[in-house]
Structure formats: C-alpha cells, structure tokens
Amino acid sequence: MKPDAMRSGIASRLLEHIITEAKAVGFTRLSLETGTAEFFLPARSLYGRFGFVPCEPYADYRPDPSSTFMTKAL
C-alpha cells in the first residue's frame, strides 16, 4: 500500500459497504479468515471495530496457527 493511502479510511469505507450490501441481500452472518502474524494486526483491529468476533473455523477450514477466524451476525 502506498504510504499516502494508509490511515485514509478506505478500508473502513470498503468494509462498511460490504456489510451494507450483505444486509441488503439478506445475509445473516459474515465470516472471514485472516492471518495471526503481527502484520495482520491492523486488519484484525479493523474487523473488531466493526463488530467481528473470534470464532471457530468454518466451511472447509481447519484449525491453523497461522489463521484467525472471525464472524459478525447481521
């Protein structure tokens, strides 16, 4: 990412749009997988600010020390 784009709110606006569209089409839950490394801390923090909470692996995912699973009820 370009340094001038960092902390500009783009990621928050994109996530807001995804949540809004998911609700509009009738989704009742959004779930995601992201990394556990320090590099992914900003992403995990962003998801937490939007109400995503840690959850168990879902779908075909298996427990993995390199993965964090999060979910949000809509």
PDB file of N, CA and C in Angstrom:
ATOM      1  N   MET A   1       0.848  -1.172   0.000  1.00  0.00           N
ATOM      2  CA  MET A   1       0.000   0.000   0.000  1.00  0.00           C
ATOM      3  C   MET A   1       0.892   1.233   0.000  1.00  0.00           C
ATOM      4  N   LYS A   2       0.474   2.216  -0.737  1.00  0.00           N
ATOM      5  CA  LYS A   2       1.216   3.467  -0.763  1.00  0.00           C
ATOM      6  C   LYS A   2       1.084   4.163   0.583  1.00  0.00           C
ATOM      7  N   PRO A   3       2.172   4.733   1.089  1.00  0.00           N
ATOM      8  CA  PRO A   3       2.105   5.415   2.393  1.00  0.00           C
ATOM      9  C   PRO A   3       1.049   6.513   2.458  1.00  0.00           C
ATOM     10  N   ASP A   4       0.810   7.226   1.350  1.00  0.00           N
ATOM     11  CA  ASP A   4      -0.178   8.305   1.385  1.00  0.00           C
ATOM     12  C   ASP A   4      -1.617   7.776   1.449  1.00  0.00           C
ATOM     13  N   ALA A   5      -1.812   6.487   1.182  1.00  0.00           N
ATOM     14  CA  ALA A   5      -3.150   5.888   1.282  1.00  0.00           C
ATOM     15  C   ALA A   5      -3.406   5.285   2.657  1.00  0.00           C
ATOM     16  N   MET A   6      -2.359   5.077   3.425  1.00  0.00           N
ATOM     17  CA  MET A   6      -2.517   4.483   4.745  1.00  0.00           C
ATOM     18  C   MET A   6      -3.268   5.434   5.674  1.00  0.00           C
ATOM     19  N   ARG A   7      -4.143   4.847   6.493  1.00  0.00           N
ATOM     20  CA  ARG A   7      -4.911   5.584   7.502  1.00  0.00           C
ATOM     21  C   ARG A   7      -5.804   6.666   6.866  1.00  0.00           C
ATOM     22  N   SER A   8      -6.244   6.413   5.635  1.00  0.00           N
ATOM     23  CA  SER A   8      -7.113   7.378   4.962  1.00  0.00           C
ATOM     24  C   SER A   8      -8.587   7.004   5.085  1.00  0.00           C
ATOM     25  N   GLY A   9      -8.884   5.849   5.692  1.00  0.00           N
ATOM     26  CA  GLY A   9     -10.271   5.428   5.870  1.00  0.00           C
ATOM     27  C   GLY A   9     -10.831   4.573   4.754  1.00  0.00           C
ATOM     28  N   ILE A  10     -10.017   4.267   3.764  1.00  0.00           N
ATOM     29  CA  ILE A  10     -10.506   3.465   2.634  1.00  0.00           C
ATOM     30  C   ILE A  10     -10.969   2.092   3.098  1.00  0.00           C
ATOM     31  N   ALA A  11     -10.184   1.415   3.922  1.00  0.00           N
ATOM     32  CA  ALA A  11     -10.556   0.069   4.375  1.00  0.00           C
ATOM     33  C   ALA A  11     -11.873   0.101   5.149  1.00  0.00           C
ATOM     34  N   SER A  12     -12.058   1.106   5.986  1.00  0.00           N
ATOM     35  CA  SER A  12     -13.316   1.221   6.740  1.00  0.00           C
ATOM     36  C   SER A  12     -14.496   1.436   5.810  1.00  0.00           C
ATOM     37  N   ARG A  13     -14.331   2.272   4.825  1.00  0.00           N
ATOM     38  CA  ARG A  13     -15.431   2.528   3.880  1.00  0.00           C
ATOM     39  C   ARG A  13     -15.755   1.274   3.078  1.00  0.00           C
ATOM     40  N   LEU A  14     -14.735   0.530   2.674  1.00  0.00           N
ATOM     41  CA  LEU A  14     -14.984  -0.715   1.946  1.00  0.00           C
ATOM     42  C   LEU A  14     -15.725  -1.723   2.816  1.00  0.00           C
ATOM     43  N   LEU A  15     -15.295  -1.869   4.062  1.00  0.00           N
ATOM     44  CA  LEU A  15     -15.948  -2.819   4.960  1.00  0.00           C
ATOM     45  C   LEU A  15     -17.378  -2.383   5.254  1.00  0.00           C
ATOM     46  N   GLU A  16     -17.617  -1.103   5.449  1.00  0.00           N
ATOM     47  CA  GLU A  16     -18.982  -0.602   5.635  1.00  0.00           C
ATOM     48  C   GLU A  16     -19.853  -0.965   4.441  1.00  0.00           C
ATOM     49  N   HIS A  17     -19.315  -0.791   3.245  1.00  0.00           N
ATOM     50  CA  HIS A  17     -20.060  -1.108   2.025  1.00  0.00           C
ATOM     51  C   HIS A  17     -20.376  -2.607   1.956  1.00  0.00           C
ATOM     52  N   ILE A  18     -19.413  -3.443   2.253  1.00  0.00           N
ATOM     53  CA  ILE A  18     -19.631  -4.895   2.233  1.00  0.00           C
ATOM     54  C   ILE A  18     -20.736  -5.279   3.218  1.00  0.00           C
ATOM     55  N   ILE A  19     -20.685  -4.736   4.423  1.00  0.00           N
ATOM     56  CA  ILE A  19     -21.692  -5.053   5.438  1.00  0.00           C
ATOM     57  C   ILE A  19     -23.069  -4.576   4.995  1.00  0.00           C
ATOM     58  N   THR A  20     -23.140  -3.375   4.465  1.00  0.00           N
ATOM     59  CA  THR A  20     -24.418  -2.826   3.989  1.00  0.00           C
ATOM     60  C   THR A  20     -25.006  -3.686   2.880  1.00  0.00           C
ATOM     61  N   GLU A  21     -24.182  -4.055   1.910  1.00  0.00           N
ATOM     62  CA  GLU A  21     -24.659  -4.870   0.792  1.00  0.00           C
ATOM     63  C   GLU A  21     -25.056  -6.269   1.253  1.00  0.00           C
ATOM     64  N   ALA A  22     -24.310  -6.839   2.175  1.00  0.00           N
ATOM     65  CA  ALA A  22     -24.647  -8.168   2.692  1.00  0.00           C
ATOM     66  C   ALA A  22     -26.013  -8.144   3.369  1.00  0.00           C
ATOM     67  N   LYS A  23     -26.265  -7.110   4.158  1.00  0.00           N
ATOM     68  CA  LYS A  23     -27.579  -6.973   4.805  1.00  0.00           C
ATOM     69  C   LYS A  23     -28.674  -6.806   3.759  1.00  0.00           C
ATOM     70  N   ALA A  24     -28.401  -6.006   2.734  1.00  0.00           N
ATOM     71  CA  ALA A  24     -29.402  -5.713   1.707  1.00  0.00           C
ATOM     72  C   ALA A  24     -29.835  -6.960   0.944  1.00  0.00           C
ATOM     73  N   VAL A  25     -28.938  -7.900   0.767  1.00  0.00           N
ATOM     74  CA  VAL A  25     -29.299  -9.121   0.035  1.00  0.00           C
ATOM     75  C   VAL A  25     -29.758 -10.235   0.974  1.00  0.00           C
ATOM     76  N   GLY A  26     -29.831  -9.940   2.277  1.00  0.00           N
ATOM     77  CA  GLY A  26     -30.403 -10.889   3.206  1.00  0.00           C
ATOM     78  C   GLY A  26     -29.432 -11.794   3.943  1.00  0.00           C
ATOM     79  N   PHE A  27     -28.150 -11.529   3.855  1.00  0.00           N
ATOM     80  CA  PHE A  27     -27.201 -12.331   4.631  1.00  0.00           C
ATOM     81  C   PHE A  27     -27.474 -12.110   6.115  1.00  0.00           C
ATOM     82  N   THR A  28     -27.265 -13.138   6.907  1.00  0.00           N
ATOM     83  CA  THR A  28     -27.456 -13.016   8.351  1.00  0.00           C
ATOM     84  C   THR A  28     -26.141 -13.088   9.102  1.00  0.00           C
ATOM     85  N   ARG A  29     -25.072 -13.393   8.396  1.00  0.00           N
ATOM     86  CA  ARG A  29     -23.761 -13.510   9.042  1.00  0.00           C
ATOM     87  C   ARG A  29     -22.671 -13.313   7.990  1.00  0.00           C
ATOM     88  N   LEU A  30     -21.589 -12.660   8.411  1.00  0.00           N
ATOM     89  CA  LEU A  30     -20.373 -12.582   7.612  1.00  0.00           C
ATOM     90  C   LEU A  30     -19.264 -13.228   8.423  1.00  0.00           C
ATOM     91  N   SER A  31     -18.457 -14.052   7.783  1.00  0.00           N
ATOM     92  CA  SER A  31     -17.317 -14.680   8.443  1.00  0.00           C
ATOM     93  C   SER A  31     -16.089 -14.482   7.579  1.00  0.00           C
ATOM     94  N   LEU A  32     -14.934 -14.439   8.229  1.00  0.00           N
ATOM     95  CA  LEU A  32     -13.699 -14.205   7.492  1.00  0.00           C
ATOM     96  C   LEU A  32     -12.535 -14.940   8.138  1.00  0.00           C
ATOM     97  N   GLU A  33     -11.488 -15.078   7.363  1.00  0.00           N
ATOM     98  CA  GLU A  33     -10.228 -15.656   7.837  1.00  0.00           C
ATOM     99  C   GLU A  33      -9.139 -14.660   7.519  1.00  0.00           C
ATOM    100  N   THR A  34      -8.264 -14.427   8.464  1.00  0.00           N
ATOM    101  CA  THR A  34      -7.106 -13.562   8.256  1.00  0.00           C
ATOM    102  C   THR A  34      -5.932 -14.152   9.017  1.00  0.00           C
ATOM    103  N   GLY A  35      -4.786 -13.581   8.854  1.00  0.00           N
ATOM    104  CA  GLY A  35      -3.581 -14.125   9.467  1.00  0.00           C
ATOM    105  C   GLY A  35      -3.433 -13.788  10.941  1.00  0.00           C
ATOM    106  N   THR A  36      -2.540 -14.514  11.591  1.00  0.00           N
ATOM    107  CA  THR A  36      -2.263 -14.286  13.006  1.00  0.00           C
ATOM    108  C   THR A  36      -0.988 -13.481  13.221  1.00  0.00           C
ATOM    109  N   ALA A  37      -0.184 -13.336  12.179  1.00  0.00           N
ATOM    110  CA  ALA A  37       1.085 -12.618  12.309  1.00  0.00           C
ATOM    111  C   ALA A  37       0.835 -11.147  12.663  1.00  0.00           C
ATOM    112  N   GLU A  38       1.827 -10.527  13.249  1.00  0.00           N
ATOM    113  CA  GLU A  38       1.751  -9.113  13.646  1.00  0.00           C
ATOM    114  C   GLU A  38       1.335  -8.224  12.470  1.00  0.00           C
ATOM    115  N   PHE A  39       1.771  -8.605  11.272  1.00  0.00           N
ATOM    116  CA  PHE A  39       1.439  -7.862  10.054  1.00  0.00           C
ATOM    117  C   PHE A  39      -0.067  -7.679   9.891  1.00  0.00           C
ATOM    118  N   PHE A  40      -0.858  -8.651  10.365  1.00  0.00           N
ATOM    119  CA  PHE A  40      -2.311  -8.618  10.199  1.00  0.00           C
ATOM    120  C   PHE A  40      -3.042  -7.918  11.345  1.00  0.00           C
ATOM    121  N   LEU A  41      -2.326  -7.422  12.346  1.00  0.00           N
ATOM    122  CA  LEU A  41      -2.964  -6.765  13.482  1.00  0.00           C
ATOM    123  C   LEU A  41      -3.872  -5.608  13.062  1.00  0.00           C
ATOM    124  N   PRO A  42      -3.458  -4.731  12.145  1.00  0.00           N
ATOM    125  CA  PRO A  42      -4.383  -3.659  11.731  1.00  0.00           C
ATOM    126  C   PRO A  42      -5.684  -4.201  11.149  1.00  0.00           C
ATOM    127  N   ALA A  43      -5.613  -5.271  10.381  1.00  0.00           N
ATOM    128  CA  ALA A  43      -6.838  -5.856   9.810  1.00  0.00           C
ATOM    129  C   ALA A  43      -7.712  -6.424  10.918  1.00  0.00           C
ATOM    130  N   ARG A  44      -7.126  -7.173  11.835  1.00  0.00           N
ATOM    131  CA  ARG A  44      -7.910  -7.743  12.936  1.00  0.00           C
ATOM    132  C   ARG A  44      -8.540  -6.642  13.785  1.00  0.00           C
ATOM    133  N   SER A  45      -7.823  -5.565  14.003  1.00  0.00           N
ATOM    134  CA  SER A  45      -8.368  -4.430  14.760  1.00  0.00           C
ATOM    135  C   SER A  45      -9.536  -3.785  14.019  1.00  0.00           C
ATOM    136  N   LEU A  46      -9.395  -3.615  12.727  1.00  0.00           N
ATOM    137  CA  LEU A  46     -10.474  -3.051  11.912  1.00  0.00           C
ATOM    138  C   LEU A  46     -11.720  -3.918  12.019  1.00  0.00           C
ATOM    139  N   TYR A  47     -11.558  -5.211  11.831  1.00  0.00           N
ATOM    140  CA  TYR A  47     -12.712  -6.107  11.911  1.00  0.00           C
ATOM    141  C   TYR A  47     -13.353  -6.040  13.296  1.00  0.00           C
ATOM    142  N   GLY A  48     -12.551  -5.987  14.335  1.00  0.00           N
ATOM    143  CA  GLY A  48     -13.081  -5.879  15.691  1.00  0.00           C
ATOM    144  C   GLY A  48     -13.889  -4.604  15.892  1.00  0.00           C
ATOM    145  N   ARG A  49     -13.415  -3.495  15.335  1.00  0.00           N
ATOM    146  CA  ARG A  49     -14.149  -2.225  15.453  1.00  0.00           C
ATOM    147  C   ARG A  49     -15.518  -2.307  14.786  1.00  0.00           C
ATOM    148  N   PHE A  50     -15.643  -3.177  13.801  1.00  0.00           N
ATOM    149  CA  PHE A  50     -16.907  -3.331  13.087  1.00  0.00           C
ATOM    150  C   PHE A  50     -17.762  -4.461  13.648  1.00  0.00           C
ATOM    151  N   GLY A  51     -17.377  -4.998  14.796  1.00  0.00           N
ATOM    152  CA  GLY A  51     -18.213  -5.991  15.458  1.00  0.00           C
ATOM    153  C   GLY A  51     -17.901  -7.437  15.161  1.00  0.00           C
ATOM    154  N   PHE A  52     -16.840  -7.705  14.419  1.00  0.00           N
ATOM    155  CA  PHE A  52     -16.444  -9.091  14.186  1.00  0.00           C
ATOM    156  C   PHE A  52     -15.796  -9.626  15.458  1.00  0.00           C
ATOM    157  N   VAL A  53     -16.110 -10.873  15.794  1.00  0.00           N
ATOM    158  CA  VAL A  53     -15.555 -11.518  16.978  1.00  0.00           C
ATOM    159  C   VAL A  53     -14.900 -12.835  16.566  1.00  0.00           C
ATOM    160  N   PRO A  54     -13.923 -13.291  17.345  1.00  0.00           N
ATOM    161  CA  PRO A  54     -13.281 -14.568  17.027  1.00  0.00           C
ATOM    162  C   PRO A  54     -14.301 -15.704  17.018  1.00  0.00           C
ATOM    163  N   CYS A  55     -14.057 -16.672  16.144  1.00  0.00           N
ATOM    164  CA  CYS A  55     -14.940 -17.834  16.050  1.00  0.00           C
ATOM    165  C   CYS A  55     -14.112 -19.052  15.672  1.00  0.00           C
ATOM    166  N   GLU A  56     -14.759 -20.189  15.682  1.00  0.00           N
ATOM    167  CA  GLU A  56     -14.127 -21.436  15.262  1.00  0.00           C
ATOM    168  C   GLU A  56     -13.992 -21.440  13.738  1.00  0.00           C
ATOM    169  N   PRO A  57     -13.105 -22.271  13.203  1.00  0.00           N
ATOM    170  CA  PRO A  57     -13.032 -22.408  11.744  1.00  0.00           C
ATOM    171  C   PRO A  57     -14.396 -22.823  11.188  1.00  0.00           C
ATOM    172  N   TYR A  58     -14.678 -22.398   9.988  1.00  0.00           N
ATOM    173  CA  TYR A  58     -15.962 -22.682   9.354  1.00  0.00           C
ATOM    174  C   TYR A  58     -15.721 -23.237   7.963  1.00  0.00           C
ATOM    175  N   ALA A  59     -16.789 -23.693   7.333  1.00  0.00           N
ATOM    176  CA  ALA A  59     -16.734 -24.287   5.991  1.00  0.00           C
ATOM    177  C   ALA A  59     -15.668 -25.385   5.964  1.00  0.00           C
ATOM    178  N   ASP A  60     -14.770 -25.334   4.998  1.00  0.00           N
ATOM    179  CA  ASP A  60     -13.737 -26.374   4.879  1.00  0.00           C
ATOM    180  C   ASP A  60     -12.447 -26.023   5.603  1.00  0.00           C
ATOM    181  N   TYR A  61     -12.429 -24.916   6.334  1.00  0.00           N
ATOM    182  CA  TYR A  61     -11.226 -24.534   7.069  1.00  0.00           C
ATOM    183  C   TYR A  61     -10.961 -25.520   8.204  1.00  0.00           C
ATOM    184  N   ARG A  62      -9.719 -25.663   8.533  1.00  0.00           N
ATOM    185  CA  ARG A  62      -9.277 -26.465   9.675  1.00  0.00           C
ATOM    186  C   ARG A  62      -8.527 -25.542  10.619  1.00  0.00           C
ATOM    187  N   PRO A  63      -8.453 -25.883  11.903  1.00  0.00           N
ATOM    188  CA  PRO A  63      -7.641 -25.065  12.813  1.00  0.00           C
ATOM    189  C   PRO A  63      -6.223 -24.922  12.280  1.00  0.00           C
ATOM    190  N   ASP A  64      -5.700 -23.718  12.349  1.00  0.00           N
ATOM    191  CA  ASP A  64      -4.371 -23.435  11.808  1.00  0.00           C
ATOM    192  C   ASP A  64      -3.770 -22.302  12.637  1.00  0.00           C
ATOM    193  N   PRO A  65      -2.584 -22.500  13.177  1.00  0.00           N
ATOM    194  CA  PRO A  65      -1.985 -21.437  13.989  1.00  0.00           C
ATOM    195  C   PRO A  65      -1.687 -20.162  13.205  1.00  0.00           C
ATOM    196  N   SER A  66      -1.724 -20.233  11.889  1.00  0.00           N
ATOM    197  CA  SER A  66      -1.481 -19.058  11.053  1.00  0.00           C
ATOM    198  C   SER A  66      -2.763 -18.329  10.670  1.00  0.00           C
ATOM    199  N   SER A  67      -3.911 -18.844  11.123  1.00  0.00           N
ATOM    200  CA  SER A  67      -5.198 -18.260  10.744  1.00  0.00           C
ATOM    201  C   SER A  67      -5.986 -17.812  11.949  1.00  0.00           C
ATOM    202  N   THR A  68      -6.668 -16.691  11.781  1.00  0.00           N
ATOM    203  CA  THR A  68      -7.635 -16.187  12.738  1.00  0.00           C
ATOM    204  C   THR A  68      -8.988 -16.183  12.034  1.00  0.00           C
ATOM    205  N   PHE A  69      -9.998 -16.693  12.691  1.00  0.00           N
ATOM    206  CA  PHE A  69     -11.346 -16.736  12.125  1.00  0.00           C
ATOM    207  C   PHE A  69     -12.215 -15.769  12.923  1.00  0.00           C
ATOM    208  N   MET A  70     -13.019 -14.997  12.202  1.00  0.00           N
ATOM    209  CA  MET A  70     -13.878 -14.008  12.848  1.00  0.00           C
ATOM    210  C   MET A  70     -15.249 -14.045  12.184  1.00  0.00           C
ATOM    211  N   THR A  71     -16.272 -13.630  12.932  1.00  0.00           N
ATOM    212  CA  THR A  71     -17.624 -13.628  12.401  1.00  0.00           C
ATOM    213  C   THR A  71     -18.404 -12.450  12.964  1.00  0.00           C
ATOM    214  N   LYS A  72     -19.459 -12.086  12.245  1.00  0.00           N
ATOM    215  CA  LYS A  72     -20.324 -10.981  12.674  1.00  0.00           C
ATOM    216  C   LYS A  72     -21.758 -11.344  12.285  1.00  0.00           C
ATOM    217  N   ALA A  73     -22.640 -11.357  13.266  1.00  0.00           N
ATOM    218  CA  ALA A  73     -24.059 -11.545  12.979  1.00  0.00           C
ATOM    219  C   ALA A  73     -24.604 -10.248  12.410  1.00  0.00           C
ATOM    220  N   LEU A  74     -25.433 -10.373  11.390  1.00  0.00           N
ATOM    221  CA  LEU A  74     -26.040  -9.201  10.774  1.00  0.00           C
ATOM    222  C   LEU A  74     -27.488  -9.101  11.192  1.00  0.00           C
TER     223      LEU A  74
END
